[in-house]
All heavy atoms as atom14 arrays in JSON, in Angstrom:
{
  "sequence": "QTGSRTYYSKKDLPENNGVVNLNWSFEKINRFVRGLNLFPFENKFCYP",
  "atom14_mask": [
    [1, 1, 1, 1, 1, 1, 1, 1, 1, 0, 0, 0, 0, 0],
    [1, 1, 1, 1, 1, 1, 1, 0, 0, 0, 0, 0, 0, 0],
    [1, 1, 1, 1, 0, 0, 0, 0, 0, 0, 0, 0, 0, 0],
    [1, 1, 1, 1, 1, 1, 0, 0, 0, 0, 0, 0, 0, 0],
    [1, 1, 1, 1, 1, 1, 1, 1, 1, 1, 1, 0, 0, 0],
    [1, 1, 1, 1, 1, 1, 1, 0, 0, 0, 0, 0, 0, 0],
    [1, 1, 1, 1, 1, 1, 1, 1, 1, 1, 1, 1, 0, 0],
    [1, 1, 1, 1, 1, 1, 1, 1, 1, 1, 1, 1, 0, 0],
    [1, 1, 1, 1, 1, 1, 0, 0, 0, 0, 0, 0, 0, 0],
    [1, 1, 1, 1, 1, 1, 1, 1, 1, 0, 0, 0, 0, 0],
    [1, 1, 1, 1, 1, 1, 1, 1, 1, 0, 0, 0, 0, 0],
    [1, 1, 1, 1, 1, 1, 1, 1, 0, 0, 0, 0, 0, 0],
    [1, 1, 1, 1, 1, 1, 1, 1, 0, 0, 0, 0, 0, 0],
    [1, 1, 1, 1, 1, 1, 1, 0, 0, 0, 0, 0, 0, 0],
    [1, 1, 1, 1, 1, 1, 1, 1, 1, 0, 0, 0, 0, 0],
    [1, 1, 1, 1, 1, 1, 1, 1, 0, 0, 0, 0, 0, 0],
    [1, 1, 1, 1, 1, 1, 1, 1, 0, 0, 0, 0, 0, 0],
    [1, 1, 1, 1, 0, 0, 0, 0, 0, 0, 0, 0, 0, 0],
    [1, 1, 1, 1, 1, 1, 1, 0, 0, 0, 0, 0, 0, 0],
    [1, 1, 1, 1, 1, 1, 1, 0, 0, 0, 0, 0, 0, 0],
    [1, 1, 1, 1, 1, 1, 1, 1, 0, 0, 0, 0, 0, 0],
    [1, 1, 1, 1, 1, 1, 1, 1, 0, 0, 0, 0, 0, 0],
    [1, 1, 1, 1, 1, 1, 1, 1, 0, 0, 0, 0, 0, 0],
    [1, 1, 1, 1, 1, 1, 1, 1, 1, 1, 1, 1, 1, 1],
    [1, 1, 1, 1, 1, 1, 0, 0, 0, 0, 0, 0, 0, 0],
    [1, 1, 1, 1, 1, 1, 1, 1, 1, 1, 1, 0, 0, 0],
    [1, 1, 1, 1, 1, 1, 1, 1, 1, 0, 0, 0, 0, 0],
    [1, 1, 1, 1, 1, 1, 1, 1, 1, 0, 0, 0, 0, 0],
    [1, 1, 1, 1, 1, 1, 1, 1, 0, 0, 0, 0, 0, 0],
    [1, 1, 1, 1, 1, 1, 1, 1, 0, 0, 0, 0, 0, 0],
    [1, 1, 1, 1, 1, 1, 1, 1, 1, 1, 1, 0, 0, 0],
    [1, 1, 1, 1, 1, 1, 1, 1, 1, 1, 1, 0, 0, 0],
    [1, 1, 1, 1, 1, 1, 1, 0, 0, 0, 0, 0, 0, 0],
    [1, 1, 1, 1, 1, 1, 1, 1, 1, 1, 1, 0, 0, 0],
    [1, 1, 1, 1, 0, 0, 0, 0, 0, 0, 0, 0, 0, 0],
    [1, 1, 1, 1, 1, 1, 1, 1, 0, 0, 0, 0, 0, 0],
    [1, 1, 1, 1, 1, 1, 1, 1, 0, 0, 0, 0, 0, 0],
    [1, 1, 1, 1, 1, 1, 1, 1, 0, 0, 0, 0, 0, 0],
    [1, 1, 1, 1, 1, 1, 1, 1, 1, 1, 1, 0, 0, 0],
    [1, 1, 1, 1, 1, 1, 1, 0, 0, 0, 0, 0, 0, 0],
    [1, 1, 1, 1, 1, 1, 1, 1, 1, 1, 1, 0, 0, 0],
    [1, 1, 1, 1, 1, 1, 1, 1, 1, 0, 0, 0, 0, 0],
    [1, 1, 1, 1, 1, 1, 1, 1, 0, 0, 0, 0, 0, 0],
    [1, 1, 1, 1, 1, 1, 1, 1, 1, 0, 0, 0, 0, 0],
    [1, 1, 1, 1, 1, 1, 1, 1, 1, 1, 1, 0, 0, 0],
    [1, 1, 1, 1, 1, 1, 0, 0, 0, 0, 0, 0, 0, 0],
    [1, 1, 1, 1, 1, 1, 1, 1, 1, 1, 1, 1, 0, 0],
    [1, 1, 1, 1, 1, 1, 1, 0, 0, 0, 0, 0, 0, 0]
  ],
  "atom14_positions": [
    [[0.85, -1.18, 0.0], [0.0, 0.0, 0.0], [0.89, 1.24, 0.0], [1.85, 1.33, 0.77], [-0.92, 0.0, 1.22], [-1.92, -1.14, 1.23], [-3.02, -0.95, 2.25], [-3.46, 0.18, 2.49], [-3.47, -2.03, 2.86], [0.0, 0.0, 0.0], [0.0, 0.0, 0.0], [0.0, 0.0, 0.0], [0.0, 0.0, 0.0], [0.0, 0.0, 0.0]],
    [[0.55, 2.19, -0.86], [1.33, 3.42, -0.97], [0.42, 4.63, -0.88], [-0.8, 4.51, -0.89], [2.09, 3.46, -2.31], [1.13, 3.4, -3.39], [3.06, 2.29, -2.43], [0.0, 0.0, 0.0], [0.0, 0.0, 0.0], [0.0, 0.0, 0.0], [0.0, 0.0, 0.0], [0.0, 0.0, 0.0], [0.0, 0.0, 0.0], [0.0, 0.0, 0.0]],
    [[1.02, 5.8, -0.8], [0.24, 7.04, -0.77], [-0.21, 7.41, 0.63], [0.06, 6.72, 1.6], [0.0, 0.0, 0.0], [0.0, 0.0, 0.0], [0.0, 0.0, 0.0], [0.0, 0.0, 0.0], [0.0, 0.0, 0.0], [0.0, 0.0, 0.0], [0.0, 0.0, 0.0], [0.0, 0.0, 0.0], [0.0, 0.0, 0.0], [0.0, 0.0, 0.0]],
    [[-0.91, 8.53, 0.71], [-1.4, 9.0, 2.01], [-2.51, 8.08, 2.51], [-3.2, 7.43, 1.72], [-1.9, 10.43, 1.9], [-2.96, 10.51, 0.97], [0.0, 0.0, 0.0], [0.0, 0.0, 0.0], [0.0, 0.0, 0.0], [0.0, 0.0, 0.0], [0.0, 0.0, 0.0], [0.0, 0.0, 0.0], [0.0, 0.0, 0.0], [0.0, 0.0, 0.0]],
    [[-2.69, 8.04, 3.81], [-3.65, 7.12, 4.41], [-4.47, 7.84, 5.46], [-3.94, 8.62, 6.25], [-2.9, 5.94, 5.04], [-3.8, 4.88, 5.64], [-2.98, 3.67, 6.09], [-3.84, 2.61, 6.56], [-4.28, 2.51, 7.82], [-3.91, 3.4, 8.72], [-5.06, 1.52, 8.17], [0.0, 0.0, 0.0], [0.0, 0.0, 0.0], [0.0, 0.0, 0.0]],
    [[-5.76, 7.58, 5.46], [-6.66, 8.11, 6.48], [-7.28, 6.94, 7.23], [-7.64, 5.94, 6.62], [-7.78, 8.95, 5.84], [-7.19, 9.98, 5.05], [-8.66, 9.59, 6.9], [0.0, 0.0, 0.0], [0.0, 0.0, 0.0], [0.0, 0.0, 0.0], [0.0, 0.0, 0.0], [0.0, 0.0, 0.0], [0.0, 0.0, 0.0], [0.0, 0.0, 0.0]],
    [[-7.4, 7.08, 8.54], [-7.99, 6.01, 9.35], [-9.13, 6.59, 10.19], [-8.99, 7.65, 10.81], [-6.94, 5.39, 10.28], [-7.55, 4.41, 11.26], [-7.92, 3.13, 10.85], [-7.78, 4.77, 12.59], [-8.51, 2.24, 11.72], [-8.37, 3.89, 13.48], [-8.73, 2.62, 13.04], [-9.32, 1.75, 13.91], [0.0, 0.0, 0.0], [0.0, 0.0, 0.0]],
    [[-10.27, 5.9, 10.19], [-11.43, 6.31, 10.98], [-11.75, 5.23, 12.01], [-11.95, 4.07, 11.65], [-12.65, 6.55, 10.08], [-12.49, 7.75, 9.18], [-12.12, 7.59, 7.85], [-12.7, 9.03, 9.68], [-11.97, 8.7, 7.02], [-12.56, 10.14, 8.86], [-12.19, 9.96, 7.53], [-12.04, 11.06, 6.72], [0.0, 0.0, 0.0], [0.0, 0.0, 0.0]],
    [[-11.85, 5.63, 13.27], [-12.19, 4.68, 14.33], [-13.67, 4.82, 14.69], [-14.38, 5.7, 14.17], [-11.34, 4.97, 15.57], [-11.79, 6.14, 16.23], [0.0, 0.0, 0.0], [0.0, 0.0, 0.0], [0.0, 0.0, 0.0], [0.0, 0.0, 0.0], [0.0, 0.0, 0.0], [0.0, 0.0, 0.0], [0.0, 0.0, 0.0], [0.0, 0.0, 0.0]],
    [[-14.13, 3.97, 15.59], [-15.52, 4.04, 16.05], [-15.8, 5.35, 16.78], [-16.94, 5.79, 16.88], [-15.84, 2.87, 16.97], [-15.94, 1.54, 16.25], [-16.33, 0.43, 17.22], [-16.49, -0.9, 16.49], [-16.87, -1.99, 17.43], [0.0, 0.0, 0.0], [0.0, 0.0, 0.0], [0.0, 0.0, 0.0], [0.0, 0.0, 0.0], [0.0, 0.0, 0.0]],
    [[-14.76, 5.98, 17.3], [-14.94, 7.23, 18.06], [-15.11, 8.44, 17.16], [-15.57, 9.48, 17.61], [-13.75, 7.45, 18.99], [-13.64, 6.39, 20.09], [-12.43, 6.66, 20.98], [-12.3, 5.59, 22.06], [-11.1, 5.82, 22.91], [0.0, 0.0, 0.0], [0.0, 0.0, 0.0], [0.0, 0.0, 0.0], [0.0, 0.0, 0.0], [0.0, 0.0, 0.0]],
    [[-14.72, 8.32, 15.9], [-14.84, 9.45, 14.98], [-16.29, 9.65, 14.59], [-16.97, 8.71, 14.16], [-13.99, 9.21, 13.74], [-12.51, 9.29, 14.03], [-12.09, 10.26, 14.68], [-11.77, 8.36, 13.62], [0.0, 0.0, 0.0], [0.0, 0.0, 0.0], [0.0, 0.0, 0.0], [0.0, 0.0, 0.0], [0.0, 0.0, 0.0], [0.0, 0.0, 0.0]],
    [[-16.78, 10.89, 14.73], [-18.16, 11.22, 14.39], [-18.19, 12.34, 13.35], [-17.23, 13.11, 13.23], [-18.92, 11.67, 15.64], [-19.21, 10.6, 16.68], [-19.83, 11.21, 17.92], [-20.13, 9.51, 16.11], [0.0, 0.0, 0.0], [0.0, 0.0, 0.0], [0.0, 0.0, 0.0], [0.0, 0.0, 0.0], [0.0, 0.0, 0.0], [0.0, 0.0, 0.0]],
    [[-19.28, 12.43, 12.59], [-19.38, 13.5, 11.6], [-19.4, 14.88, 12.26], [-19.65, 15.01, 13.47], [-20.72, 13.22, 10.91], [-21.06, 11.84, 11.26], [-20.44, 11.56, 12.59], [0.0, 0.0, 0.0], [0.0, 0.0, 0.0], [0.0, 0.0, 0.0], [0.0, 0.0, 0.0], [0.0, 0.0, 0.0], [0.0, 0.0, 0.0], [0.0, 0.0, 0.0]],
    [[-19.16, 15.88, 11.46], [-19.19, 17.27, 11.92], [-20.48, 17.56, 12.67], [-21.55, 17.08, 12.3], [-19.07, 18.18, 10.7], [-18.95, 19.65, 11.0], [-18.73, 20.47, 9.75], [-18.48, 19.9, 8.67], [-18.8, 21.7, 9.86], [0.0, 0.0, 0.0], [0.0, 0.0, 0.0], [0.0, 0.0, 0.0], [0.0, 0.0, 0.0], [0.0, 0.0, 0.0]],
    [[-20.37, 18.35, 13.72], [-21.54, 18.8, 14.48], [-22.31, 17.64, 15.1], [-23.5, 17.76, 15.37], [-22.46, 19.62, 13.57], [-23.09, 20.79, 14.29], [-22.59, 21.26, 15.31], [-24.2, 21.28, 13.78], [0.0, 0.0, 0.0], [0.0, 0.0, 0.0], [0.0, 0.0, 0.0], [0.0, 0.0, 0.0], [0.0, 0.0, 0.0], [0.0, 0.0, 0.0]],
    [[-21.64, 16.49, 15.29], [-22.27, 15.3, 15.87], [-23.54, 14.87, 15.13], [-24.46, 14.32, 15.74], [-22.58, 15.51, 17.36], [-21.33, 15.52, 18.21], [-20.38, 14.78, 17.94], [-21.29, 16.37, 19.22], [0.0, 0.0, 0.0], [0.0, 0.0, 0.0], [0.0, 0.0, 0.0], [0.0, 0.0, 0.0], [0.0, 0.0, 0.0], [0.0, 0.0, 0.0]],
    [[-23.57, 15.13, 13.83], [-24.7, 14.68, 13.03], [-25.82, 15.69, 12.86], [-26.78, 15.42, 12.15], [0.0, 0.0, 0.0], [0.0, 0.0, 0.0], [0.0, 0.0, 0.0], [0.0, 0.0, 0.0], [0.0, 0.0, 0.0], [0.0, 0.0, 0.0], [0.0, 0.0, 0.0], [0.0, 0.0, 0.0], [0.0, 0.0, 0.0], [0.0, 0.0, 0.0]],
    [[-25.73, 16.83, 13.5], [-26.78, 17.86, 13.38], [-26.49, 18.72, 12.16], [-25.41, 19.29, 12.03], [-26.86, 18.73, 14.65], [-27.93, 19.82, 14.48], [-27.17, 17.87, 15.87], [0.0, 0.0, 0.0], [0.0, 0.0, 0.0], [0.0, 0.0, 0.0], [0.0, 0.0, 0.0], [0.0, 0.0, 0.0], [0.0, 0.0, 0.0], [0.0, 0.0, 0.0]],
    [[-27.46, 18.81, 11.26], [-27.32, 19.6, 10.04], [-27.33, 21.09, 10.4], [-28.19, 21.55, 11.14], [-28.47, 19.29, 9.06], [-28.46, 20.25, 7.89], [-28.38, 17.84, 8.59], [0.0, 0.0, 0.0], [0.0, 0.0, 0.0], [0.0, 0.0, 0.0], [0.0, 0.0, 0.0], [0.0, 0.0, 0.0], [0.0, 0.0, 0.0], [0.0, 0.0, 0.0]],
    [[-26.39, 21.82, 9.85], [-26.35, 23.27, 10.0], [-26.97, 23.86, 8.74], [-26.43, 23.7, 7.64], [-24.91, 23.74, 10.17], [-24.8, 25.23, 10.42], [-25.7, 26.0, 10.06], [-23.71, 25.65, 11.04], [0.0, 0.0, 0.0], [0.0, 0.0, 0.0], [0.0, 0.0, 0.0], [0.0, 0.0, 0.0], [0.0, 0.0, 0.0], [0.0, 0.0, 0.0]],
    [[-28.09, 24.56, 8.87], [-28.79, 25.08, 7.7], [-28.1, 26.29, 7.09], [-28.57, 26.83, 6.09], [-30.24, 25.39, 8.06], [-31.08, 24.13, 8.37], [-32.48, 24.5, 8.83], [-31.15, 23.2, 7.15], [0.0, 0.0, 0.0], [0.0, 0.0, 0.0], [0.0, 0.0, 0.0], [0.0, 0.0, 0.0], [0.0, 0.0, 0.0], [0.0, 0.0, 0.0]],
    [[-26.97, 26.7, 7.66], [-26.13, 27.71, 7.0], [-25.15, 27.07, 6.03], [-24.38, 27.77, 5.38], [-25.38, 28.54, 8.05], [-26.32, 29.45, 8.82], [-27.14, 30.14, 8.24], [-26.21, 29.44, 10.14], [0.0, 0.0, 0.0], [0.0, 0.0, 0.0], [0.0, 0.0, 0.0], [0.0, 0.0, 0.0], [0.0, 0.0, 0.0], [0.0, 0.0, 0.0]],
    [[-25.15, 25.73, 5.96], [-24.32, 25.04, 4.97], [-24.95, 25.16, 3.59], [-26.14, 25.48, 3.45], [-24.21, 23.56, 5.31], [-23.43, 23.23, 6.54], [-22.55, 24.04, 7.21], [-23.46, 22.0, 7.27], [-22.03, 23.38, 8.3], [-22.56, 22.13, 8.36], [-24.12, 20.79, 7.09], [-22.33, 21.11, 9.27], [-23.92, 19.77, 7.99], [-23.02, 19.92, 9.07]],
    [[-24.16, 24.84, 2.55], [-24.69, 24.77, 1.2], [-25.56, 23.54, 1.04], [-25.45, 22.57, 1.82], [-23.54, 24.71, 0.18], [-22.84, 23.47, 0.32], [0.0, 0.0, 0.0], [0.0, 0.0, 0.0], [0.0, 0.0, 0.0], [0.0, 0.0, 0.0], [0.0, 0.0, 0.0], [0.0, 0.0, 0.0], [0.0, 0.0, 0.0], [0.0, 0.0, 0.0]],
    [[-26.42, 23.55, 0.0], [-27.24, 22.37, -0.25], [-26.37, 21.16, -0.55], [-26.65, 20.05, -0.1], [-28.21, 22.61, -1.42], [-28.97, 21.37, -1.79], [-30.08, 20.98, -1.06], [-28.56, 20.55, -2.84], [-30.77, 19.81, -1.37], [-29.24, 19.39, -3.16], [-30.35, 19.02, -2.43], [0.0, 0.0, 0.0], [0.0, 0.0, 0.0], [0.0, 0.0, 0.0]],
    [[-25.3, 21.36, -1.32], [-24.42, 20.26, -1.69], [-23.87, 19.57, -0.45], [-23.84, 18.34, -0.36], [-23.29, 20.77, -2.59], [-22.43, 19.68, -3.22], [-21.27, 19.23, -2.35], [-20.85, 20.01, -1.47], [-20.82, 18.09, -2.52], [0.0, 0.0, 0.0], [0.0, 0.0, 0.0], [0.0, 0.0, 0.0], [0.0, 0.0, 0.0], [0.0, 0.0, 0.0]],
    [[-23.45, 20.35, 0.53], [-22.91, 19.76, 1.76], [-24.0, 19.08, 2.58], [-23.79, 17.97, 3.11], [-22.22, 20.84, 2.59], [-21.62, 20.29, 3.88], [-20.78, 21.32, 4.61], [-20.18, 20.73, 5.89], [-19.29, 21.67, 6.59], [0.0, 0.0, 0.0], [0.0, 0.0, 0.0], [0.0, 0.0, 0.0], [0.0, 0.0, 0.0], [0.0, 0.0, 0.0]],
    [[-25.17, 19.69, 2.68], [-26.27, 19.08, 3.43], [-26.68, 17.76, 2.77], [-26.93, 16.76, 3.45], [-27.47, 20.05, 3.53], [-27.1, 21.27, 4.39], [-28.7, 19.34, 4.12], [-28.13, 22.37, 4.39], [0.0, 0.0, 0.0], [0.0, 0.0, 0.0], [0.0, 0.0, 0.0], [0.0, 0.0, 0.0], [0.0, 0.0, 0.0], [0.0, 0.0, 0.0]],
    [[-26.74, 17.76, 1.44], [-27.13, 16.56, 0.73], [-26.11, 15.43, 0.94], [-26.49, 14.27, 1.14], [-27.27, 16.88, -0.77], [-27.92, 15.74, -1.54], [-28.79, 15.04, -1.04], [-27.5, 15.56, -2.77], [0.0, 0.0, 0.0], [0.0, 0.0, 0.0], [0.0, 0.0, 0.0], [0.0, 0.0, 0.0], [0.0, 0.0, 0.0], [0.0, 0.0, 0.0]],
    [[-24.82, 15.77, 0.91], [-23.79, 14.76, 1.2], [-23.95, 14.23, 2.62], [-23.78, 13.03, 2.88], [-22.4, 15.37, 1.03], [-21.87, 15.34, -0.38], [-20.38, 15.61, -0.42], [-20.04, 16.99, -0.16], [-19.39, 17.42, 0.92], [-19.03, 16.58, 1.87], [-19.11, 18.69, 1.06], [0.0, 0.0, 0.0], [0.0, 0.0, 0.0], [0.0, 0.0, 0.0]],
    [[-24.26, 15.13, 3.54], [-24.43, 14.77, 4.95], [-25.58, 13.78, 5.11], [-25.46, 12.76, 5.79], [-24.7, 16.06, 5.74], [-24.26, 16.02, 7.17], [-22.92, 16.09, 7.51], [-25.19, 15.97, 8.19], [-22.51, 16.09, 8.83], [-24.81, 15.96, 9.51], [-23.46, 16.03, 9.84], [0.0, 0.0, 0.0], [0.0, 0.0, 0.0], [0.0, 0.0, 0.0]],
    [[-26.72, 14.09, 4.48], [-27.9, 13.23, 4.58], [-27.63, 11.88, 3.91], [-27.92, 10.82, 4.48], [-29.13, 13.92, 3.95], [-30.31, 12.95, 3.83], [-29.54, 15.14, 4.79], [0.0, 0.0, 0.0], [0.0, 0.0, 0.0], [0.0, 0.0, 0.0], [0.0, 0.0, 0.0], [0.0, 0.0, 0.0], [0.0, 0.0, 0.0], [0.0, 0.0, 0.0]],
    [[-27.07, 11.9, 2.71], [-26.79, 10.64, 2.0], [-25.71, 9.82, 2.72], [-25.8, 8.6, 2.8], [-26.34, 10.94, 0.57], [-27.44, 11.47, -0.32], [-27.0, 11.62, -1.78], [-25.91, 12.55, -1.98], [-24.66, 12.23, -2.26], [-24.31, 10.94, -2.37], [-23.74, 13.15, -2.44], [0.0, 0.0, 0.0], [0.0, 0.0, 0.0], [0.0, 0.0, 0.0]],
    [[-24.7, 10.51, 3.25], [-23.6, 9.82, 3.9], [-23.98, 9.16, 5.21], [-23.28, 8.24, 5.67], [0.0, 0.0, 0.0], [0.0, 0.0, 0.0], [0.0, 0.0, 0.0], [0.0, 0.0, 0.0], [0.0, 0.0, 0.0], [0.0, 0.0, 0.0], [0.0, 0.0, 0.0], [0.0, 0.0, 0.0], [0.0, 0.0, 0.0], [0.0, 0.0, 0.0]],
    [[-25.07, 9.6, 5.81], [-25.51, 9.0, 7.07], [-26.79, 8.17, 6.91], [-27.39, 7.74, 7.89], [-25.72, 10.1, 8.13], [-24.46, 10.88, 8.49], [-24.77, 11.97, 9.5], [-23.36, 9.95, 9.02], [0.0, 0.0, 0.0], [0.0, 0.0, 0.0], [0.0, 0.0, 0.0], [0.0, 0.0, 0.0], [0.0, 0.0, 0.0], [0.0, 0.0, 0.0]],
    [[-27.18, 7.95, 5.65], [-28.37, 7.14, 5.37], [-27.92, 5.7, 5.1], [-27.46, 5.38, 4.01], [-29.13, 7.69, 4.16], [-30.39, 6.89, 3.86], [-30.65, 5.86, 4.47], [-31.17, 7.36, 2.92], [0.0, 0.0, 0.0], [0.0, 0.0, 0.0], [0.0, 0.0, 0.0], [0.0, 0.0, 0.0], [0.0, 0.0, 0.0], [0.0, 0.0, 0.0]],
    [[-28.04, 4.86, 6.09], [-27.67, 3.45, 5.98], [-28.88, 2.53, 5.86], [-28.74, 1.32, 5.87], [-26.82, 3.04, 7.19], [-25.38, 3.58, 7.13], [-24.77, 3.68, 8.51], [-24.54, 2.7, 6.23], [0.0, 0.0, 0.0], [0.0, 0.0, 0.0], [0.0, 0.0, 0.0], [0.0, 0.0, 0.0], [0.0, 0.0, 0.0], [0.0, 0.0, 0.0]],
    [[-30.07, 3.1, 5.76], [-31.29, 2.3, 5.64], [-31.26, 1.52, 4.33], [-30.91, 2.07, 3.29], [-32.51, 3.23, 5.67], [-33.83, 2.5, 5.68], [-34.33, 1.99, 6.86], [-34.54, 2.33, 4.51], [-35.54, 1.32, 6.87], [-35.74, 1.65, 4.51], [-36.25, 1.15, 5.69], [0.0, 0.0, 0.0], [0.0, 0.0, 0.0], [0.0, 0.0, 0.0]],
    [[-31.58, 0.21, 4.34], [-32.21, -0.58, 5.4], [-31.23, -1.3, 6.33], [-31.66, -2.11, 7.14], [-33.02, -1.61, 4.61], [-32.16, -1.88, 3.42], [-31.51, -0.56, 3.08], [0.0, 0.0, 0.0], [0.0, 0.0, 0.0], [0.0, 0.0, 0.0], [0.0, 0.0, 0.0], [0.0, 0.0, 0.0], [0.0, 0.0, 0.0], [0.0, 0.0, 0.0]],
    [[-29.92, -1.02, 6.21], [-28.96, -1.62, 7.14], [-29.09, -0.95, 8.51], [-29.54, 0.2, 8.61], [-27.53, -1.44, 6.63], [-27.26, -2.11, 5.31], [-27.04, -1.36, 4.18], [-27.23, -3.49, 5.22], [-26.79, -1.96, 2.96], [-26.97, -4.11, 3.99], [-26.76, -3.33, 2.86], [0.0, 0.0, 0.0], [0.0, 0.0, 0.0], [0.0, 0.0, 0.0]],
    [[-28.65, -1.64, 9.54], [-28.65, -1.06, 10.88], [-27.61, 0.05, 10.94], [-26.49, -0.1, 10.47], [-28.33, -2.13, 11.92], [-28.39, -1.63, 13.36], [-28.09, -2.72, 14.37], [-27.72, -3.84, 13.96], [-28.23, -2.44, 15.58], [0.0, 0.0, 0.0], [0.0, 0.0, 0.0], [0.0, 0.0, 0.0], [0.0, 0.0, 0.0], [0.0, 0.0, 0.0]],
    [[-28.01, 1.19, 11.48], [-27.1, 2.34, 11.58], [-26.52, 2.39, 12.99], [-27.16, 2.82, 13.94], [-27.86, 3.64, 11.28], [-26.94, 4.84, 11.19], [-25.82, 4.83, 11.69], [-27.41, 5.9, 10.55], [0.0, 0.0, 0.0], [0.0, 0.0, 0.0], [0.0, 0.0, 0.0], [0.0, 0.0, 0.0], [0.0, 0.0, 0.0], [0.0, 0.0, 0.0]],
    [[-25.26, 1.94, 13.12], [-24.56, 2.0, 14.4], [-23.58, 3.17, 14.42], [-22.77, 3.29, 15.34], [-23.82, 0.69, 14.66], [-24.74, -0.5, 14.88], [-23.94, -1.75, 15.23], [-24.86, -2.93, 15.51], [-24.1, -4.14, 15.88], [0.0, 0.0, 0.0], [0.0, 0.0, 0.0], [0.0, 0.0, 0.0], [0.0, 0.0, 0.0], [0.0, 0.0, 0.0]],
    [[-23.64, 3.99, 13.4], [-22.7, 5.09, 13.25], [-23.3, 6.38, 13.79], [-23.08, 6.76, 14.94], [-22.32, 5.22, 11.77], [-21.35, 6.32, 11.46], [-20.39, 6.73, 12.37], [-21.38, 6.94, 10.22], [-19.49, 7.74, 12.06], [-20.48, 7.94, 9.89], [-19.55, 8.34, 10.81], [0.0, 0.0, 0.0], [0.0, 0.0, 0.0], [0.0, 0.0, 0.0]],
    [[-24.14, 7.04, 13.0], [-24.71, 8.33, 13.4], [-25.87, 8.66, 12.46], [-25.77, 8.41, 11.26], [-23.63, 9.42, 13.31], [-24.17, 11.07, 13.79], [0.0, 0.0, 0.0], [0.0, 0.0, 0.0], [0.0, 0.0, 0.0], [0.0, 0.0, 0.0], [0.0, 0.0, 0.0], [0.0, 0.0, 0.0], [0.0, 0.0, 0.0], [0.0, 0.0, 0.0]],
    [[-26.95, 9.19, 13.01], [-28.07, 9.64, 12.18], [-27.96, 11.14, 11.95], [-27.57, 11.89, 12.86], [-29.41, 9.35, 12.86], [-29.82, 7.9, 12.83], [-29.53, 7.04, 13.87], [-30.52, 7.39, 11.73], [-29.92, 5.71, 13.84], [-30.91, 6.06, 11.69], [-30.61, 5.23, 12.74], [-30.99, 3.91, 12.7], [0.0, 0.0, 0.0], [0.0, 0.0, 0.0]],
    [[-28.32, 11.62, 10.76], [-28.39, 13.06, 10.55], [-29.63, 13.61, 11.25], [-30.64, 12.91, 11.36], [-28.5, 13.2, 9.03], [-29.23, 11.96, 8.61], [-28.75, 10.88, 9.55], [0.0, 0.0, 0.0], [0.0, 0.0, 0.0], [0.0, 0.0, 0.0], [0.0, 0.0, 0.0], [0.0, 0.0, 0.0], [0.0, 0.0, 0.0], [0.0, 0.0, 0.0]]
  ]
}
């Protein structure tokens, strides 16, 4: 494996602990909602 590497643990949470900031752009809010939508899988990560 080469190049830069990022590691995420169970303790890492999305920005603002999953609360959408309506001062964000739509593009960012949409990524936030899609990125935390694990339905129909069980979501053990974080809900928006």
